[in-house]
PDB file of all heavy atoms in Angstrom:
ATOM      1  N   PHE A   1      10.508 -12.299 -43.994  1.00  0.00           N
ATOM      2  CA  PHE A   1      11.964 -12.622 -43.714  1.00  0.00           C
ATOM      3  C   PHE A   1      12.692 -12.190 -44.957  1.00  0.00           C
ATOM      4  O   PHE A   1      12.234 -11.947 -46.011  1.00  0.00           O
ATOM      5  CB  PHE A   1      12.002 -14.187 -43.612  1.00  0.00           C
ATOM      6  CG  PHE A   1      11.223 -14.608 -42.438  1.00  0.00           C
ATOM      7  CD1 PHE A   1       9.884 -14.904 -42.714  1.00  0.00           C
ATOM      8  CD2 PHE A   1      11.700 -14.946 -41.179  1.00  0.00           C
ATOM      9  CE1 PHE A   1       8.987 -15.380 -41.628  1.00  0.00           C
ATOM     10  CE2 PHE A   1      10.954 -15.329 -40.162  1.00  0.00           C
ATOM     11  CZ  PHE A   1       9.577 -15.568 -40.363  1.00  0.00           C
ATOM     12  N   ASP A   2      14.074 -12.126 -44.712  1.00  0.00           N
ATOM     13  CA  ASP A   2      14.999 -11.698 -45.738  1.00  0.00           C
ATOM     14  C   ASP A   2      15.109 -12.815 -46.720  1.00  0.00           C
ATOM     15  O   ASP A   2      15.437 -12.483 -47.991  1.00  0.00           O
ATOM     16  CB  ASP A   2      16.485 -11.522 -45.087  1.00  0.00           C
ATOM     17  CG  ASP A   2      16.433 -10.366 -44.074  1.00  0.00           C
ATOM     18  OD1 ASP A   2      15.968  -9.242 -44.494  1.00  0.00           O
ATOM     19  OD2 ASP A   2      16.874 -10.557 -42.925  1.00  0.00           O
ATOM     20  N   CYS A   3      15.025 -14.134 -46.361  1.00  0.00           N
ATOM     21  CA  CYS A   3      15.126 -15.265 -47.380  1.00  0.00           C
ATOM     22  C   CYS A   3      14.499 -16.400 -46.717  1.00  0.00           C
ATOM     23  O   CYS A   3      14.096 -16.383 -45.575  1.00  0.00           O
ATOM     24  CB  CYS A   3      16.561 -15.465 -47.701  1.00  0.00           C
ATOM     25  SG  CYS A   3      17.595 -16.231 -46.342  1.00  0.00           S
ATOM     26  N   ASP A   4      14.356 -17.479 -47.560  1.00  0.00           N
ATOM     27  CA  ASP A   4      13.777 -18.631 -47.144  1.00  0.00           C
ATOM     28  C   ASP A   4      14.437 -19.430 -46.018  1.00  0.00           C
ATOM     29  O   ASP A   4      13.819 -19.962 -45.073  1.00  0.00           O
ATOM     30  CB  ASP A   4      13.684 -19.693 -48.393  1.00  0.00           C
ATOM     31  CG  ASP A   4      12.810 -20.839 -48.138  1.00  0.00           C
ATOM     32  OD1 ASP A   4      11.690 -20.681 -47.588  1.00  0.00           O
ATOM     33  OD2 ASP A   4      13.229 -21.996 -48.377  1.00  0.00           O
ATOM     34  N   PHE A   5      15.750 -19.319 -45.965  1.00  0.00           N
ATOM     35  CA  PHE A   5      16.595 -19.837 -44.843  1.00  0.00           C
ATOM     36  C   PHE A   5      16.415 -19.110 -43.632  1.00  0.00           C
ATOM     37  O   PHE A   5      16.306 -19.744 -42.518  1.00  0.00           O
ATOM     38  CB  PHE A   5      18.077 -19.991 -45.427  1.00  0.00           C
ATOM     39  CG  PHE A   5      18.242 -20.634 -46.697  1.00  0.00           C
ATOM     40  CD1 PHE A   5      18.647 -19.868 -47.767  1.00  0.00           C
ATOM     41  CD2 PHE A   5      17.867 -22.022 -46.889  1.00  0.00           C
ATOM     42  CE1 PHE A   5      18.816 -20.503 -49.001  1.00  0.00           C
ATOM     43  CE2 PHE A   5      17.945 -22.569 -48.104  1.00  0.00           C
ATOM     44  CZ  PHE A   5      18.450 -22.000 -49.134  1.00  0.00           C
ATOM     45  N   ASN A   6      16.398 -17.804 -43.653  1.00  0.00           N
ATOM     46  CA  ASN A   6      16.150 -17.010 -42.457  1.00  0.00           C
ATOM     47  C   ASN A   6      14.827 -17.274 -41.961  1.00  0.00           C
ATOM     48  O   ASN A   6      14.576 -17.283 -40.680  1.00  0.00           O
ATOM     49  CB  ASN A   6      16.320 -15.523 -42.717  1.00  0.00           C
ATOM     50  CG  ASN A   6      17.734 -15.087 -42.665  1.00  0.00           C
ATOM     51  OD1 ASN A   6      18.701 -15.893 -42.601  1.00  0.00           O
ATOM     52  ND2 ASN A   6      17.947 -13.699 -42.687  1.00  0.00           N
ATOM     53  N   GLN A   7      13.844 -17.545 -42.814  1.00  0.00           N
ATOM     54  CA  GLN A   7      12.550 -17.820 -42.459  1.00  0.00           C
ATOM     55  C   GLN A   7      12.510 -19.191 -41.626  1.00  0.00           C
ATOM     56  O   GLN A   7      11.846 -19.260 -40.592  1.00  0.00           O
ATOM     57  CB  GLN A   7      11.570 -17.957 -43.616  1.00  0.00           C
ATOM     58  CG  GLN A   7      10.181 -18.493 -43.309  1.00  0.00           C
ATOM     59  CD  GLN A   7       9.309 -18.741 -44.422  1.00  0.00           C
ATOM     60  OE1 GLN A   7       8.316 -19.546 -44.376  1.00  0.00           O
ATOM     61  NE2 GLN A   7       9.549 -18.048 -45.542  1.00  0.00           N
ATOM     62  N   MET A   8      13.276 -20.081 -41.969  1.00  0.00           N
ATOM     63  CA  MET A   8      13.345 -21.383 -41.380  1.00  0.00           C
ATOM     64  C   MET A   8      14.089 -21.344 -40.034  1.00  0.00           C
ATOM     65  O   MET A   8      13.931 -22.221 -39.066  1.00  0.00           O
ATOM     66  CB  MET A   8      13.916 -22.500 -42.250  1.00  0.00           C
ATOM     67  CG  MET A   8      13.000 -22.770 -43.440  1.00  0.00           C
ATOM     68  SD  MET A   8      11.287 -22.868 -43.185  1.00  0.00           S
ATOM     69  CE  MET A   8      10.545 -22.219 -44.744  1.00  0.00           C
ATOM     70  N   LEU A   9      14.845 -20.303 -39.924  1.00  0.00           N
ATOM     71  CA  LEU A   9      15.508 -20.017 -38.535  1.00  0.00           C
ATOM     72  C   LEU A   9      14.762 -19.002 -37.730  1.00  0.00           C
ATOM     73  O   LEU A   9      15.214 -18.658 -36.696  1.00  0.00           O
ATOM     74  CB  LEU A   9      16.913 -19.534 -38.760  1.00  0.00           C
ATOM     75  CG  LEU A   9      17.916 -20.643 -39.354  1.00  0.00           C
ATOM     76  CD1 LEU A   9      19.217 -20.012 -39.666  1.00  0.00           C
ATOM     77  CD2 LEU A   9      18.041 -21.740 -38.308  1.00  0.00           C
ATOM     78  N   ASP A  10      13.570 -18.644 -38.192  1.00  0.00           N
ATOM     79  CA  ASP A  10      12.709 -17.627 -37.494  1.00  0.00           C
ATOM     80  C   ASP A  10      13.531 -16.336 -37.269  1.00  0.00           C
ATOM     81  O   ASP A  10      13.288 -15.624 -36.189  1.00  0.00           O
ATOM     82  CB  ASP A  10      12.148 -18.193 -36.130  1.00  0.00           C
ATOM     83  CG  ASP A  10      11.011 -17.471 -35.681  1.00  0.00           C
ATOM     84  OD1 ASP A  10      10.249 -16.867 -36.523  1.00  0.00           O
ATOM     85  OD2 ASP A  10      10.740 -17.370 -34.463  1.00  0.00           O
ATOM     86  N   LEU A  11      14.259 -15.958 -38.195  1.00  0.00           N
ATOM     87  CA  LEU A  11      15.042 -14.520 -38.125  1.00  0.00           C
ATOM     88  C   LEU A  11      14.069 -13.538 -39.014  1.00  0.00           C
ATOM     89  O   LEU A  11      14.458 -13.400 -40.140  1.00  0.00           O
ATOM     90  CB  LEU A  11      16.321 -14.761 -38.713  1.00  0.00           C
ATOM     91  CG  LEU A  11      17.324 -15.715 -37.919  1.00  0.00           C
ATOM     92  CD1 LEU A  11      18.564 -15.880 -38.553  1.00  0.00           C
ATOM     93  CD2 LEU A  11      17.510 -15.151 -36.428  1.00  0.00           C
ATOM     94  N   LYS A  12      13.178 -12.870 -38.315  1.00  0.00           N
ATOM     95  CA  LYS A  12      12.374 -12.001 -39.017  1.00  0.00           C
ATOM     96  C   LYS A  12      13.106 -10.763 -39.380  1.00  0.00           C
ATOM     97  O   LYS A  12      14.229 -10.426 -38.798  1.00  0.00           O
ATOM     98  CB  LYS A  12      11.120 -11.573 -38.207  1.00  0.00           C
ATOM     99  CG  LYS A  12      10.147 -12.671 -37.756  1.00  0.00           C
ATOM    100  CD  LYS A  12       9.101 -12.355 -36.827  1.00  0.00           C
ATOM    101  CE  LYS A  12       8.254 -13.486 -36.557  1.00  0.00           C
ATOM    102  NZ  LYS A  12       8.878 -14.569 -35.618  1.00  0.00           N
ATOM    103  N   VAL A  13      12.613 -10.088 -40.446  1.00  0.00           N
ATOM    104  CA  VAL A  13      13.306  -8.853 -41.023  1.00  0.00           C
ATOM    105  C   VAL A  13      13.498  -7.781 -39.782  1.00  0.00           C
ATOM    106  O   VAL A  13      12.710  -7.647 -38.857  1.00  0.00           O
ATOM    107  CB  VAL A  13      12.531  -8.096 -42.074  1.00  0.00           C
ATOM    108  CG1 VAL A  13      12.565  -8.984 -43.332  1.00  0.00           C
ATOM    109  CG2 VAL A  13      11.027  -7.859 -41.628  1.00  0.00           C
ATOM    110  N   ALA A  14      14.682  -7.147 -39.914  1.00  0.00           N
ATOM    111  CA  ALA A  14      15.186  -6.094 -38.922  1.00  0.00           C
ATOM    112  C   ALA A  14      14.560  -4.755 -39.210  1.00  0.00           C
ATOM    113  O   ALA A  14      15.312  -3.891 -39.503  1.00  0.00           O
ATOM    114  CB  ALA A  14      16.571  -6.122 -38.890  1.00  0.00           C
ATOM    115  N   CYS A  15      13.216  -4.651 -39.271  1.00  0.00           N
ATOM    116  CA  CYS A  15      12.571  -3.374 -39.277  1.00  0.00           C
ATOM    117  C   CYS A  15      11.189  -3.540 -38.783  1.00  0.00           C
ATOM    118  O   CYS A  15      10.694  -4.597 -38.275  1.00  0.00           O
ATOM    119  CB  CYS A  15      12.468  -2.844 -40.780  1.00  0.00           C
ATOM    120  SG  CYS A  15      11.467  -3.916 -41.823  1.00  0.00           S
ATOM    121  N   GLY A  16      10.460  -2.422 -38.703  1.00  0.00           N
ATOM    122  CA  GLY A  16       9.106  -2.424 -38.090  1.00  0.00           C
ATOM    123  C   GLY A  16       8.121  -3.241 -38.875  1.00  0.00           C
ATOM    124  O   GLY A  16       7.115  -3.717 -38.355  1.00  0.00           O
ATOM    125  N   SER A  17       8.219  -3.412 -40.276  1.00  0.00           N
ATOM    126  CA  SER A  17       7.401  -4.072 -41.127  1.00  0.00           C
ATOM    127  C   SER A  17       7.646  -5.580 -41.094  1.00  0.00           C
ATOM    128  O   SER A  17       8.102  -6.122 -41.890  1.00  0.00           O
ATOM    129  CB  SER A  17       7.548  -3.501 -42.449  1.00  0.00           C
ATOM    130  OG  SER A  17       6.585  -4.110 -43.326  1.00  0.00           O
ATOM    131  N   LYS A  18       7.325  -6.234 -40.019  1.00  0.00           N
ATOM    132  CA  LYS A  18       7.727  -7.686 -39.701  1.00  0.00           C
ATOM    133  C   LYS A  18       6.529  -8.581 -40.243  1.00  0.00           C
ATOM    134  O   LYS A  18       6.649  -9.772 -40.329  1.00  0.00           O
ATOM    135  CB  LYS A  18       7.948  -7.960 -38.283  1.00  0.00           C
ATOM    136  CG  LYS A  18       9.232  -7.162 -37.802  1.00  0.00           C
ATOM    137  CD  LYS A  18       9.512  -7.670 -36.310  1.00  0.00           C
ATOM    138  CE  LYS A  18      10.651  -6.930 -35.755  1.00  0.00           C
ATOM    139  NZ  LYS A  18      11.958  -7.126 -36.510  1.00  0.00           N
ATOM    140  N   HIS A  19       5.362  -7.948 -40.558  1.00  0.00           N
ATOM    141  CA  HIS A  19       4.281  -8.828 -40.959  1.00  0.00           C
ATOM    142  C   HIS A  19       3.553  -8.209 -42.121  1.00  0.00           C
ATOM    143  O   HIS A  19       3.656  -6.952 -42.240  1.00  0.00           O
ATOM    144  CB  HIS A  19       3.295  -9.090 -39.825  1.00  0.00           C
ATOM    145  CG  HIS A  19       2.217 -10.100 -40.051  1.00  0.00           C
ATOM    146  ND1 HIS A  19       1.054  -9.817 -40.654  1.00  0.00           N
ATOM    147  CD2 HIS A  19       2.171 -11.367 -39.825  1.00  0.00           C
ATOM    148  CE1 HIS A  19       0.366 -10.910 -40.788  1.00  0.00           C
ATOM    149  NE2 HIS A  19       0.932 -11.927 -40.128  1.00  0.00           N
ATOM    150  N   LEU A  20       2.999  -9.020 -42.911  1.00  0.00           N
ATOM    151  CA  LEU A  20       2.197  -8.553 -44.206  1.00  0.00           C
ATOM    152  C   LEU A  20       1.200  -7.384 -43.721  1.00  0.00           C
ATOM    153  O   LEU A  20       0.861  -6.496 -44.381  1.00  0.00           O
ATOM    154  CB  LEU A  20       1.612  -9.653 -44.933  1.00  0.00           C
ATOM    155  CG  LEU A  20       2.447 -10.468 -45.847  1.00  0.00           C
ATOM    156  CD1 LEU A  20       1.644 -11.678 -46.307  1.00  0.00           C
ATOM    157  CD2 LEU A  20       2.946  -9.723 -46.876  1.00  0.00           C
ATOM    158  N   GLY A  21       0.624  -7.583 -42.561  1.00  0.00           N
ATOM    159  CA  GLY A  21      -0.464  -6.752 -42.126  1.00  0.00           C
ATOM    160  C   GLY A  21       0.045  -5.288 -41.796  1.00  0.00           C
ATOM    161  O   GLY A  21      -0.694  -4.339 -41.706  1.00  0.00           O
ATOM    162  N   GLU A  22       1.344  -5.219 -41.744  1.00  0.00           N
ATOM    163  CA  GLU A  22       1.927  -3.866 -41.587  1.00  0.00           C
ATOM    164  C   GLU A  22       3.119  -3.585 -42.643  1.00  0.00           C
ATOM    165  O   GLU A  22       4.040  -2.929 -42.446  1.00  0.00           O
ATOM    166  CB  GLU A  22       2.657  -3.752 -40.226  1.00  0.00           C
ATOM    167  CG  GLU A  22       3.485  -4.997 -39.756  1.00  0.00           C
ATOM    168  CD  GLU A  22       3.729  -5.075 -38.415  1.00  0.00           C
ATOM    169  OE1 GLU A  22       2.969  -4.461 -37.520  1.00  0.00           O
ATOM    170  OE2 GLU A  22       4.812  -5.874 -38.032  1.00  0.00           O
ATOM    171  N   PHE A  23       2.769  -4.061 -43.857  1.00  0.00           N
ATOM    172  CA  PHE A  23       3.773  -3.954 -44.984  1.00  0.00           C
ATOM    173  C   PHE A  23       4.016  -2.566 -45.327  1.00  0.00           C
ATOM    174  O   PHE A  23       3.254  -1.738 -45.624  1.00  0.00           O
ATOM    175  CB  PHE A  23       3.130  -4.657 -46.228  1.00  0.00           C
ATOM    176  CG  PHE A  23       4.169  -4.873 -47.232  1.00  0.00           C
ATOM    177  CD1 PHE A  23       4.693  -6.144 -47.422  1.00  0.00           C
ATOM    178  CD2 PHE A  23       4.452  -3.936 -48.281  1.00  0.00           C
ATOM    179  CE1 PHE A  23       5.704  -6.352 -48.455  1.00  0.00           C
ATOM    180  CE2 PHE A  23       5.405  -4.102 -49.299  1.00  0.00           C
ATOM    181  CZ  PHE A  23       6.006  -5.346 -49.418  1.00  0.00           C
ATOM    182  N   ASN A  24       5.435  -2.194 -45.285  1.00  0.00           N
ATOM    183  CA  ASN A  24       5.794  -0.945 -45.629  1.00  0.00           C
ATOM    184  C   ASN A  24       7.008  -0.970 -46.517  1.00  0.00           C
ATOM    185  O   ASN A  24       8.161  -1.298 -46.067  1.00  0.00           O
ATOM    186  CB  ASN A  24       6.142  -0.078 -44.303  1.00  0.00           C
ATOM    187  CG  ASN A  24       6.643   1.271 -44.583  1.00  0.00           C
ATOM    188  OD1 ASN A  24       7.458   1.615 -45.347  1.00  0.00           O
ATOM    189  ND2 ASN A  24       5.945   2.286 -43.788  1.00  0.00           N
ATOM    190  N   ALA A  25       6.857  -0.797 -47.815  1.00  0.00           N
ATOM    191  CA  ALA A  25       8.036  -0.953 -48.877  1.00  0.00           C
ATOM    192  C   ALA A  25       9.128  -0.144 -48.530  1.00  0.00           C
ATOM    193  O   ALA A  25      10.349  -0.580 -48.706  1.00  0.00           O
ATOM    194  CB  ALA A  25       7.331  -0.691 -50.095  1.00  0.00           C
ATOM    195  N   SER A  26       9.034   1.079 -48.100  1.00  0.00           N
ATOM    196  CA  SER A  26      10.083   2.025 -47.802  1.00  0.00           C
ATOM    197  C   SER A  26      10.917   1.354 -46.637  1.00  0.00           C
ATOM    198  O   SER A  26      12.249   1.395 -46.770  1.00  0.00           O
ATOM    199  CB  SER A  26       9.559   3.390 -47.410  1.00  0.00           C
ATOM    200  OG  SER A  26      10.691   4.248 -47.181  1.00  0.00           O
ATOM    201  N   GLU A  27      10.310   1.019 -45.582  1.00  0.00           N
ATOM    202  CA  GLU A  27      11.019   0.414 -44.575  1.00  0.00           C
ATOM    203  C   GLU A  27      11.802  -0.866 -44.981  1.00  0.00           C
ATOM    204  O   GLU A  27      12.976  -1.076 -44.665  1.00  0.00           O
ATOM    205  CB  GLU A  27      10.161  -0.019 -43.287  1.00  0.00           C
ATOM    206  CG  GLU A  27       9.666   1.078 -42.551  1.00  0.00           C
ATOM    207  CD  GLU A  27       8.983   0.659 -41.148  1.00  0.00           C
ATOM    208  OE1 GLU A  27       8.780  -0.663 -41.058  1.00  0.00           O
ATOM    209  OE2 GLU A  27       8.693   1.496 -40.411  1.00  0.00           O
ATOM    210  N   LEU A  28      11.154  -1.677 -45.719  1.00  0.00           N
ATOM    211  CA  LEU A  28      11.702  -2.959 -46.107  1.00  0.00           C
ATOM    212  C   LEU A  28      12.897  -2.821 -47.115  1.00  0.00           C
ATOM    213  O   LEU A  28      13.873  -3.503 -47.044  1.00  0.00           O
ATOM    214  CB  LEU A  28      10.628  -3.838 -46.786  1.00  0.00           C
ATOM    215  CG  LEU A  28       9.578  -4.409 -45.817  1.00  0.00           C
ATOM    216  CD1 LEU A  28       8.407  -4.939 -46.492  1.00  0.00           C
ATOM    217  CD2 LEU A  28      10.192  -5.500 -45.009  1.00  0.00           C
ATOM    218  N   VAL A  29      12.868  -1.822 -48.017  1.00  0.00           N
ATOM    219  CA  VAL A  29      13.940  -1.586 -49.018  1.00  0.00           C
ATOM    220  C   VAL A  29      15.112  -0.962 -48.261  1.00  0.00           C
ATOM    221  O   VAL A  29      16.251  -0.987 -48.854  1.00  0.00           O
ATOM    222  CB  VAL A  29      13.485  -0.885 -50.217  1.00  0.00           C
ATOM    223  CG1 VAL A  29      13.454   0.662 -49.905  1.00  0.00           C
ATOM    224  CG2 VAL A  29      14.278  -1.204 -51.480  1.00  0.00           C
ATOM    225  N   ASN A  30      14.969  -0.364 -47.188  1.00  0.00           N
ATOM    226  CA  ASN A  30      16.050   0.264 -46.455  1.00  0.00           C
ATOM    227  C   ASN A  30      16.564  -0.411 -45.215  1.00  0.00           C
ATOM    228  O   ASN A  30      17.345   0.045 -44.491  1.00  0.00           O
ATOM    229  CB  ASN A  30      15.687   1.748 -46.096  1.00  0.00           C
ATOM    230  CG  ASN A  30      15.498   2.638 -47.158  1.00  0.00           C
ATOM    231  OD1 ASN A  30      16.457   3.032 -47.836  1.00  0.00           O
ATOM    232  ND2 ASN A  30      14.341   3.106 -47.549  1.00  0.00           N
ATOM    233  N   ARG A  31      16.084  -1.675 -44.971  1.00  0.00           N
ATOM    234  CA  ARG A  31      16.357  -2.404 -43.810  1.00  0.00           C
ATOM    235  C   ARG A  31      17.832  -2.913 -43.895  1.00  0.00           C
ATOM    236  O   ARG A  31      18.340  -3.017 -45.012  1.00  0.00           O
ATOM    237  CB  ARG A  31      15.481  -3.676 -43.668  1.00  0.00           C
ATOM    238  CG  ARG A  31      15.674  -4.655 -44.561  1.00  0.00           C
ATOM    239  CD  ARG A  31      14.552  -5.761 -44.691  1.00  0.00           C
ATOM    240  NE  ARG A  31      14.876  -6.970 -45.361  1.00  0.00           N
ATOM    241  CZ  ARG A  31      14.880  -7.018 -46.619  1.00  0.00           C
ATOM    242  NH1 ARG A  31      14.347  -6.015 -47.409  1.00  0.00           N
ATOM    243  NH2 ARG A  31      15.097  -8.165 -47.312  1.00  0.00           N
ATOM    244  N   ASP A  32      18.398  -3.393 -42.727  1.00  0.00           N
ATOM    245  CA  ASP A  32      19.558  -4.120 -42.788  1.00  0.00           C
ATOM    246  C   ASP A  32      19.290  -5.659 -42.890  1.00  0.00           C
ATOM    247  O   ASP A  32      18.376  -6.118 -42.121  1.00  0.00           O
ATOM    248  CB  ASP A  32      20.376  -3.973 -41.445  1.00  0.00           C
ATOM    249  CG  ASP A  32      21.037  -2.623 -41.390  1.00  0.00           C
ATOM    250  OD1 ASP A  32      20.935  -1.780 -42.382  1.00  0.00           O
ATOM    251  OD2 ASP A  32      21.556  -2.257 -40.278  1.00  0.00           O
ATOM    252  N   ILE A  33      19.823  -6.437 -43.749  1.00  0.00           N
ATOM    253  CA  ILE A  33      19.578  -7.822 -44.006  1.00  0.00           C
ATOM    254  C   ILE A  33      20.306  -8.601 -42.856  1.00  0.00           C
ATOM    255  O   ILE A  33      21.513  -8.385 -42.623  1.00  0.00           O
ATOM    256  CB  ILE A  33      20.042  -8.299 -45.314  1.00  0.00           C
ATOM    257  CG1 ILE A  33      19.122  -7.581 -46.391  1.00  0.00           C
ATOM    258  CG2 ILE A  33      19.820  -9.889 -45.431  1.00  0.00           C
ATOM    259  CD1 ILE A  33      19.624  -7.832 -47.742  1.00  0.00           C
ATOM    260  N   ILE A  34      19.482  -9.613 -42.157  1.00  0.00           N
ATOM    261  CA  ILE A  34      20.125 -10.305 -41.129  1.00  0.00           C
ATOM    262  C   ILE A  34      21.084 -11.428 -41.638  1.00  0.00           C
ATOM    263  O   ILE A  34      20.559 -12.174 -42.577  1.00  0.00           O
ATOM    264  CB  ILE A  34      18.961 -10.890 -40.171  1.00  0.00           C
ATOM    265  CG1 ILE A  34      18.146  -9.755 -39.640  1.00  0.00           C
ATOM    266  CG2 ILE A  34      19.615 -11.876 -39.189  1.00  0.00           C
ATOM    267  CD1 ILE A  34      16.941 -10.272 -38.747  1.00  0.00           C
ATOM    268  N   VAL A  35      22.261 -11.510 -41.268  1.00  0.00           N
ATOM    269  CA  VAL A  35      23.193 -12.496 -41.679  1.00  0.00           C
ATOM    270  C   VAL A  35      23.583 -13.363 -40.480  1.00  0.00           C
ATOM    271  O   VAL A  35      23.652 -12.878 -39.379  1.00  0.00           O
ATOM    272  CB  VAL A  35      24.332 -11.992 -42.516  1.00  0.00           C
ATOM    273  CG1 VAL A  35      23.867 -11.220 -43.707  1.00  0.00           C
ATOM    274  CG2 VAL A  35      25.150 -11.020 -41.600  1.00  0.00           C
ATOM    275  N   ASN A  36      24.060 -14.556 -40.678  1.00  0.00           N
ATOM    276  CA  ASN A  36      24.513 -15.526 -39.780  1.00  0.00           C
ATOM    277  C   ASN A  36      25.409 -16.509 -40.390  1.00  0.00           C
ATOM    278  O   ASN A  36      25.617 -16.352 -41.657  1.00  0.00           O
ATOM    279  CB  ASN A  36      23.429 -16.116 -39.024  1.00  0.00           C
ATOM    280  CG  ASN A  36      23.713 -16.497 -37.491  1.00  0.00           C
ATOM    281  OD1 ASN A  36      24.672 -17.183 -37.224  1.00  0.00           O
ATOM    282  ND2 ASN A  36      23.066 -15.825 -36.527  1.00  0.00           N
ATOM    283  N   GLN A  37      25.924 -17.491 -39.704  1.00  0.00           N
ATOM    284  CA  GLN A  37      26.924 -18.318 -40.223  1.00  0.00           C
ATOM    285  C   GLN A  37      26.314 -19.246 -41.355  1.00  0.00           C
ATOM    286  O   GLN A  37      27.205 -19.670 -42.279  1.00  0.00           O
ATOM    287  CB  GLN A  37      27.512 -19.287 -39.116  1.00  0.00           C
ATOM    288  CG  GLN A  37      28.158 -18.578 -38.075  1.00  0.00           C
ATOM    289  CD  GLN A  37      29.281 -17.666 -38.453  1.00  0.00           C
ATOM    290  OE1 GLN A  37      29.150 -16.554 -39.105  1.00  0.00           O
ATOM    291  NE2 GLN A  37      30.545 -18.187 -38.425  1.00  0.00           N
ATOM    292  N   HIS A  38      24.985 -19.467 -41.498  1.00  0.00           N
ATOM    293  CA  HIS A  38      24.510 -20.322 -42.639  1.00  0.00           C
ATOM    294  C   HIS A  38      24.690 -19.556 -43.909  1.00  0.00           C
ATOM    295  O   HIS A  38      24.550 -20.221 -44.913  1.00  0.00           O
ATOM    296  CB  HIS A  38      22.983 -20.631 -42.318  1.00  0.00           C
ATOM    297  CG  HIS A  38      22.213 -19.493 -42.135  1.00  0.00           C
ATOM    298  ND1 HIS A  38      22.186 -18.516 -41.220  1.00  0.00           N
ATOM    299  CD2 HIS A  38      21.162 -19.008 -43.043  1.00  0.00           C
ATOM    300  CE1 HIS A  38      21.285 -17.590 -41.397  1.00  0.00           C
ATOM    301  NE2 HIS A  38      20.635 -17.860 -42.563  1.00  0.00           N
TER     302      HIS A  38
END
């Protein structure tokens, strides 16, 4: 997740590397961070 708060809202990262089993640093550093009203 992008942050602890997104984690508690179940807003997983917006890229293919959504789980540690498929960790891809390049994808993660180039992702768009999910934002919402919180």
